[in-house]
C-alpha atoms as a PDB file:
ATOM      1  CA  MET A   1     126.858 -16.671  -2.377  1.00  0.00           C
ATOM      2  CA  LYS A   2     123.459 -17.232  -4.016  1.00  0.00           C
ATOM      3  CA  THR A   3     121.713 -17.416  -0.638  1.00  0.00           C
ATOM      4  CA  ARG A   4     122.909 -13.914   0.309  1.00  0.00           C
ATOM      5  CA  ASN A   5     121.684 -12.114  -2.814  1.00  0.00           C
ATOM      6  CA  PRO A   6     117.935 -12.418  -1.974  1.00  0.00           C
ATOM      7  CA  THR A   7     118.603 -11.163   1.572  1.00  0.00           C
ATOM      8  CA  ILE A   8     120.541  -8.163   0.312  1.00  0.00           C
ATOM      9  CA  SER A   9     117.818  -7.345  -2.250  1.00  0.00           C
ATOM     10  CA  VAL A  10     115.111  -7.420   0.426  1.00  0.00           C
ATOM     11  CA  MET A  11     117.150  -5.135   2.694  1.00  0.00           C
ATOM     12  CA  VAL A  12     117.633  -2.593  -0.108  1.00  0.00           C
ATOM     13  CA  VAL A  13     113.877  -2.529  -0.834  1.00  0.00           C
ATOM     14  CA  VAL A  14     113.041  -2.052   2.868  1.00  0.00           C
ATOM     15  CA  LEU A  15     115.558   0.797   3.209  1.00  0.00           C
ATOM     16  CA  CYS A  16     114.153   2.552   0.121  1.00  0.00           C
ATOM     17  CA  LEU A  17     110.572   2.298   1.417  1.00  0.00           C
ATOM     18  CA  THR A  18     111.506   3.565   4.872  1.00  0.00           C
ATOM     19  CA  SER A  19     113.472   6.546   3.602  1.00  0.00           C
ATOM     20  CA  SER A  20     110.698   7.676   1.243  1.00  0.00           C
ATOM     21  CA  GLN A  21     108.198   8.118   4.120  1.00  0.00           C
ATOM     22  CA  VAL A  22     110.330  10.185   6.480  1.00  0.00           C
ATOM     23  CA  MET A  23     113.010  12.230   4.769  1.00  0.00           C
ATOM     24  CA  GLY A  24     116.033  13.290   6.804  1.00  0.00           C
ATOM     25  CA  ALA A  25     115.189  11.055   9.763  1.00  0.00           C
ATOM     26  CA  TYR A  26     117.624   8.711  11.350  1.00  0.00           C
ATOM     27  CA  TRP A  27     117.073   5.936  13.831  1.00  0.00           C
ATOM     28  CA  ILE A  28     119.108   4.520  16.680  1.00  0.00           C
ATOM     29  CA  GLY A  29     117.376   1.338  17.767  1.00  0.00           C
ATOM     30  CA  ASP A  30     113.669   2.221  18.175  1.00  0.00           C
ATOM     31  CA  ILE A  31     114.331   5.962  18.602  1.00  0.00           C
ATOM     32  CA  MET A  32     113.621   8.360  15.722  1.00  0.00           C
ATOM     33  CA  PHE A  33     115.554  11.633  15.457  1.00  0.00           C
ATOM     34  CA  GLY A  34     113.710  14.337  13.508  1.00  0.00           C
ATOM     35  CA  GLY A  35     112.693  14.217   9.882  1.00  0.00           C
ATOM     36  CA  VAL A  36     110.087  15.334   7.347  1.00  0.00           C
ATOM     37  CA  PHE A  37     106.915  13.441   6.397  1.00  0.00           C
ATOM     38  CA  LYS A  38     106.047  14.295   2.781  1.00  0.00           C
ATOM     39  CA  ASP A  39     104.346  11.375   1.104  1.00  0.00           C
ATOM     40  CA  ARG A  40     100.577  12.109   0.866  1.00  0.00           C
ATOM     41  CA  ARG A  41      99.871   9.493   3.537  1.00  0.00           C
ATOM     42  CA  THR A  42      98.490   9.492   7.081  1.00  0.00           C
ATOM     43  CA  HIS A  43     100.957   8.740   9.895  1.00  0.00           C
ATOM     44  CA  ASP A  44     100.135   7.931  13.539  1.00  0.00           C
ATOM     45  CA  ILE A  45     102.815   8.865  16.096  1.00  0.00           C
ATOM     46  CA  ASP A  46     102.553   7.512  19.636  1.00  0.00           C
ATOM     47  CA  HIS A  47     106.207   7.550  20.698  1.00  0.00           C
ATOM     48  CA  ARG A  48     108.976  10.042  21.427  1.00  0.00           C
ATOM     49  CA  ILE A  49     110.775  11.731  18.547  1.00  0.00           C
ATOM     50  CA  TYR A  50     113.938  13.675  19.279  1.00  0.00           C
ATOM     51  CA  GLY A  51     114.656  16.830  17.274  1.00  0.00           C
ATOM     52  CA  GLU A  52     112.445  18.652  14.783  1.00  0.00           C
ATOM     53  CA  LEU A  53     109.633  16.922  12.922  1.00  0.00           C
ATOM     54  CA  TRP A  54     108.002  18.592   9.913  1.00  0.00           C
ATOM     55  CA  VAL A  55     105.071  17.657   7.710  1.00  0.00           C
ATOM     56  CA  ASP A  56     105.573  18.686   4.054  1.00  0.00           C
ATOM     57  CA  TYR A  57     108.358  21.181   4.750  1.00  0.00           C
ATOM     58  CA  GLN A  58     109.570  22.493   1.355  1.00  0.00           C
ATOM     59  CA  ALA A  59     107.136  20.127  -0.386  1.00  0.00           C
ATOM     60  CA  LEU A  60     103.918  22.130  -0.654  1.00  0.00           C
ATOM     61  CA  GLY A  61     100.745  20.452  -1.870  1.00  0.00           C
ATOM     62  CA  MET A  62     101.557  16.952  -0.635  1.00  0.00           C
ATOM     63  CA  GLN A  63      98.508  16.783   1.689  1.00  0.00           C
ATOM     64  CA  THR A  64     100.176  14.577   4.287  1.00  0.00           C
ATOM     65  CA  THR A  65      98.418  14.032   7.643  1.00  0.00           C
ATOM     66  CA  LEU A  66     100.108  13.431  10.996  1.00  0.00           C
ATOM     67  CA  ASN A  67      98.128  12.172  14.008  1.00  0.00           C
ATOM     68  CA  LEU A  68      99.749  12.640  17.429  1.00  0.00           C
ATOM     69  CA  LEU A  69      98.413  10.130  19.936  1.00  0.00           C
ATOM     70  CA  GLY A  70      98.833   9.040  23.564  1.00  0.00           C
ATOM     71  CA  ASP A  71     102.498   9.048  24.578  1.00  0.00           C
ATOM     72  CA  ALA A  72     103.930  11.060  21.667  1.00  0.00           C
ATOM     73  CA  ILE A  73     106.601  13.556  22.711  1.00  0.00           C
ATOM     74  CA  ILE A  74     108.079  15.944  20.140  1.00  0.00           C
ATOM     75  CA  TYR A  75     110.111  19.068  20.846  1.00  0.00           C
ATOM     76  CA  ASP A  76     109.523  20.987  17.577  1.00  0.00           C
ATOM     77  CA  LEU A  77     106.619  20.112  15.287  1.00  0.00           C
ATOM     78  CA  GLY A  78     105.667  22.006  12.139  1.00  0.00           C
ATOM     79  CA  VAL A  79     103.282  21.616   9.231  1.00  0.00           C
ATOM     80  CA  CYS A  80     103.316  23.333   5.819  1.00  0.00           C
ATOM     81  CA  GLY A  81     101.276  23.431   2.633  1.00  0.00           C
ATOM     82  CA  ASP A  82      97.916  21.696   2.395  1.00  0.00           C
ATOM     83  CA  SER A  83      98.845  19.229   5.122  1.00  0.00           C
ATOM     84  CA  LYS A  84      97.315  18.643   8.534  1.00  0.00           C
ATOM     85  CA  ILE A  85      98.311  17.739  12.087  1.00  0.00           C
ATOM     86  CA  ASN A  86      95.722  16.227  14.470  1.00  0.00           C
ATOM     87  CA  ILE A  87      96.761  16.245  18.123  1.00  0.00           C
ATOM     88  CA  SER A  88      94.698  14.165  20.552  1.00  0.00           C
ATOM     89  CA  GLY A  89      97.452  13.357  23.054  1.00  0.00           C
ATOM     90  CA  GLY A  90     101.113  13.638  23.785  1.00  0.00           C
ATOM     91  CA  MET A  91     103.331  16.641  24.395  1.00  0.00           C
ATOM     92  CA  ILE A  92     104.889  19.188  22.047  1.00  0.00           C
ATOM     93  CA  HIS A  93     107.094  22.098  23.030  1.00  0.00           C
ATOM     94  CA  TRP A  94     106.853  24.293  19.891  1.00  0.00           C
ATOM     95  CA  LEU A  95     104.104  23.916  17.287  1.00  0.00           C
ATOM     96  CA  TYR A  96     104.140  25.731  13.916  1.00  0.00           C
ATOM     97  CA  GLY A  97     101.632  25.971  11.077  1.00  0.00           C
ATOM     98  CA  ASP A  98     102.532  27.649   7.758  1.00  0.00           C
ATOM     99  CA  ASP A  99     101.340  28.012   4.134  1.00  0.00           C
ATOM    100  CA  SER A 100      97.587  27.232   4.474  1.00  0.00           C
ATOM    101  CA  SER A 101      98.153  24.197   6.711  1.00  0.00           C
ATOM    102  CA  ARG A 102      95.675  23.022   9.378  1.00  0.00           C
ATOM    103  CA  ILE A 103      96.258  22.086  13.001  1.00  0.00           C
ATOM    104  CA  VAL A 104      93.524  20.495  15.135  1.00  0.00           C
ATOM    105  CA  VAL A 105      94.285  20.182  18.853  1.00  0.00           C
ATOM    106  CA  SER A 106      91.799  18.225  20.975  1.00  0.00           C
ATOM    107  CA  GLY A 107      94.082  16.921  23.735  1.00  0.00           C
ATOM    108  CA  GLY A 108      97.639  16.756  24.985  1.00  0.00           C
ATOM    109  CA  THR A 109      99.964  19.547  26.068  1.00  0.00           C
ATOM    110  CA  ILE A 110     101.852  22.254  24.220  1.00  0.00           C
ATOM    111  CA  GLY A 111     104.634  23.195  26.624  1.00  0.00           C
ATOM    112  CA  GLY A 112     105.700  26.322  24.739  1.00  0.00           C
ATOM    113  CA  TRP A 113     103.962  28.187  21.916  1.00  0.00           C
ATOM    114  CA  LEU A 114     101.585  27.614  19.017  1.00  0.00           C
ATOM    115  CA  HIS A 115     102.509  29.816  16.012  1.00  0.00           C
ATOM    116  CA  THR A 116     100.487  30.097  12.801  1.00  0.00           C
ATOM    117  CA  PHE A 117     101.692  31.867   9.640  1.00  0.00           C
ATOM    118  CA  SER A 118     100.578  32.540   6.032  1.00  0.00           C
ATOM    119  CA  ARG A 119      96.872  31.639   6.042  1.00  0.00           C
ATOM    120  CA  SER A 120      97.299  28.535   8.203  1.00  0.00           C
ATOM    121  CA  GLN A 121      94.522  27.652  10.652  1.00  0.00           C
ATOM    122  CA  ALA A 122      94.541  26.103  14.113  1.00  0.00           C
ATOM    123  CA  THR A 123      91.590  24.907  16.169  1.00  0.00           C
ATOM    124  CA  VAL A 124      92.142  24.278  19.876  1.00  0.00           C
ATOM    125  CA  SER A 125      89.290  22.574  21.754  1.00  0.00           C
ATOM    126  CA  GLY A 126      90.938  20.913  24.711  1.00  0.00           C
ATOM    127  CA  ASP A 127      94.594  21.322  25.484  1.00  0.00           C
ATOM    128  CA  GLU A 128      96.975  23.054  27.803  1.00  0.00           C
ATOM    129  CA  ILE A 129      99.151  25.604  26.045  1.00  0.00           C
ATOM    130  CA  ALA A 130     101.655  26.668  28.680  1.00  0.00           C
ATOM    131  CA  GLY A 131     103.174  29.473  26.607  1.00  0.00           C
ATOM    132  CA  GLY A 132     100.665  31.096  24.321  1.00  0.00           C
ATOM    133  CA  LEU A 133      99.260  31.563  20.852  1.00  0.00           C
ATOM    134  CA  TYR A 134     100.593  33.659  17.964  1.00  0.00           C
ATOM    135  CA  ALA A 135      98.609  34.258  14.759  1.00  0.00           C
ATOM    136  CA  TYR A 136     100.605  36.035  12.011  1.00  0.00           C
ATOM    137  CA  GLU A 137     100.052  36.952   8.337  1.00  0.00           C
ATOM    138  CA  SER A 138      96.323  36.289   7.842  1.00  0.00           C
ATOM    139  CA  SER A 139      96.408  33.034   9.814  1.00  0.00           C
ATOM    140  CA  LYS A 140      93.626  32.112  12.246  1.00  0.00           C
ATOM    141  CA  ILE A 141      93.473  30.414  15.624  1.00  0.00           C
ATOM    142  CA  MET A 142      90.120  29.439  17.152  1.00  0.00           C
ATOM    143  CA  VAL A 143      89.989  28.419  20.807  1.00  0.00           C
ATOM    144  CA  SER A 144      86.881  26.773  22.261  1.00  0.00           C
ATOM    145  CA  GLY A 145      88.384  25.105  25.337  1.00  0.00           C
ATOM    146  CA  GLY A 146      91.580  24.431  27.204  1.00  0.00           C
ATOM    147  CA  LEU A 147      94.056  26.510  29.162  1.00  0.00           C
ATOM    148  CA  ILE A 148      96.378  29.156  27.750  1.00  0.00           C
ATOM    149  CA  GLY A 149      99.146  29.993  30.181  1.00  0.00           C
ATOM    150  CA  ARG A 150     100.623  33.282  29.024  1.00  0.00           C
ATOM    151  CA  SER A 151      99.437  35.261  26.026  1.00  0.00           C
ATOM    152  CA  LEU A 152      97.289  35.562  22.920  1.00  0.00           C
ATOM    153  CA  ASN A 153      98.888  37.449  20.044  1.00  0.00           C
ATOM    154  CA  ALA A 154      97.534  38.475  16.652  1.00  0.00           C
ATOM    155  CA  CYS A 155      99.847  40.319  14.256  1.00  0.00           C
ATOM    156  CA  GLY A 156      99.818  41.270  10.558  1.00  0.00           C
ATOM    157  CA  SER A 157      96.076  40.586  10.090  1.00  0.00           C
ATOM    158  CA  GLY A 158      96.305  37.349  12.115  1.00  0.00           C
ATOM    159  CA  LYS A 159      93.159  36.549  14.091  1.00  0.00           C
ATOM    160  CA  VAL A 160      92.573  34.766  17.416  1.00  0.00           C
ATOM    161  CA  THR A 161      88.950  33.852  18.202  1.00  0.00           C
ATOM    162  CA  LEU A 162      87.754  32.652  21.616  1.00  0.00           C
ATOM    163  CA  GLU A 163      84.426  30.805  21.713  1.00  0.00           C
ATOM    164  CA  GLY A 164      82.670  29.774  24.886  1.00  0.00           C
ATOM    165  CA  TRP A 165      82.118  31.152  28.353  1.00  0.00           C
ATOM    166  CA  ASN A 166      83.907  31.553  31.684  1.00  0.00           C
ATOM    167  CA  PHE A 167      86.955  33.198  30.147  1.00  0.00           C
ATOM    168  CA  ALA A 168      89.313  35.146  32.358  1.00  0.00           C
ATOM    169  CA  VAL A 169      92.006  37.565  31.190  1.00  0.00           C
ATOM    170  CA  ASP A 170      94.676  38.391  33.774  1.00  0.00           C
ATOM    171  CA  GLY A 171      92.438  36.846  36.430  1.00  0.00           C
ATOM    172  CA  GLN A 172      89.420  39.025  35.509  1.00  0.00           C
ATOM    173  CA  VAL A 173      86.251  37.470  34.066  1.00  0.00           C
ATOM    174  CA  PHE A 174      85.802  38.534  30.444  1.00  0.00           C
ATOM    175  CA  GLY A 175      82.456  38.386  28.646  1.00  0.00           C
ATOM    176  CA  TYR A 176      81.584  39.124  25.033  1.00  0.00           C
ATOM    177  CA  GLY A 177      83.669  41.757  23.290  1.00  0.00           C
ATOM    178  CA  GLU A 178      86.961  42.586  21.649  1.00  0.00           C
ATOM    179  CA  LEU A 179      90.280  42.814  23.415  1.00  0.00           C
ATOM    180  CA  THR A 180      92.672  45.570  22.441  1.00  0.00           C
ATOM    181  CA  SER A 181      96.379  45.420  23.075  1.00  0.00           C
ATOM    182  CA  ILE A 182      97.329  46.906  26.424  1.00  0.00           C
ATOM    183  CA  LEU A 183     100.834  47.413  25.019  1.00  0.00           C
ATOM    184  CA  GLY A 184      99.722  49.822  22.308  1.00  0.00           C
ATOM    185  CA  GLY A 185     101.876  48.014  19.740  1.00  0.00           C
ATOM    186  CA  GLN A 186     101.059  45.881  16.754  1.00  0.00           C
ATOM    187  CA  TYR A 187      99.953  42.828  18.737  1.00  0.00           C
END
């Protein structure tokens, strides 16, 4: 009986440490299913995560950083508060920034949409965004490279800035200037 007590104590400590880094996540073997990083640390992800993954959701001011690398695949990825997501590889379907967060995209693929809300900022310098970009509520998106498949949207004092040359809008070369909504609506 005395030989089992140290083993049980070590297992309890390991479980407590693991659960404090990623809240709400569960594992089956080596596969992680969703969760929330909110621990003021930097985390590197280079594997597939099933479900939603959030950085500092409902824990503003934690300043947690998530780095997406190489083979990372995540369906829904969001960041809140003063936290940051750096994307240099991998694939994400939906990407959200909220509450003054920062997103830096320098590689990889966003299969759906990039949405920014509430003063968050996103910088895209080399990525394929198959869907499009949405900037809401005083948030900002700056694009200086990459491919945007469908649309650019700015709403509620959101701002989308394109920097560079050789831009085309609906197949037509576009130089310096401001684009106005062809829909006549708020976007």
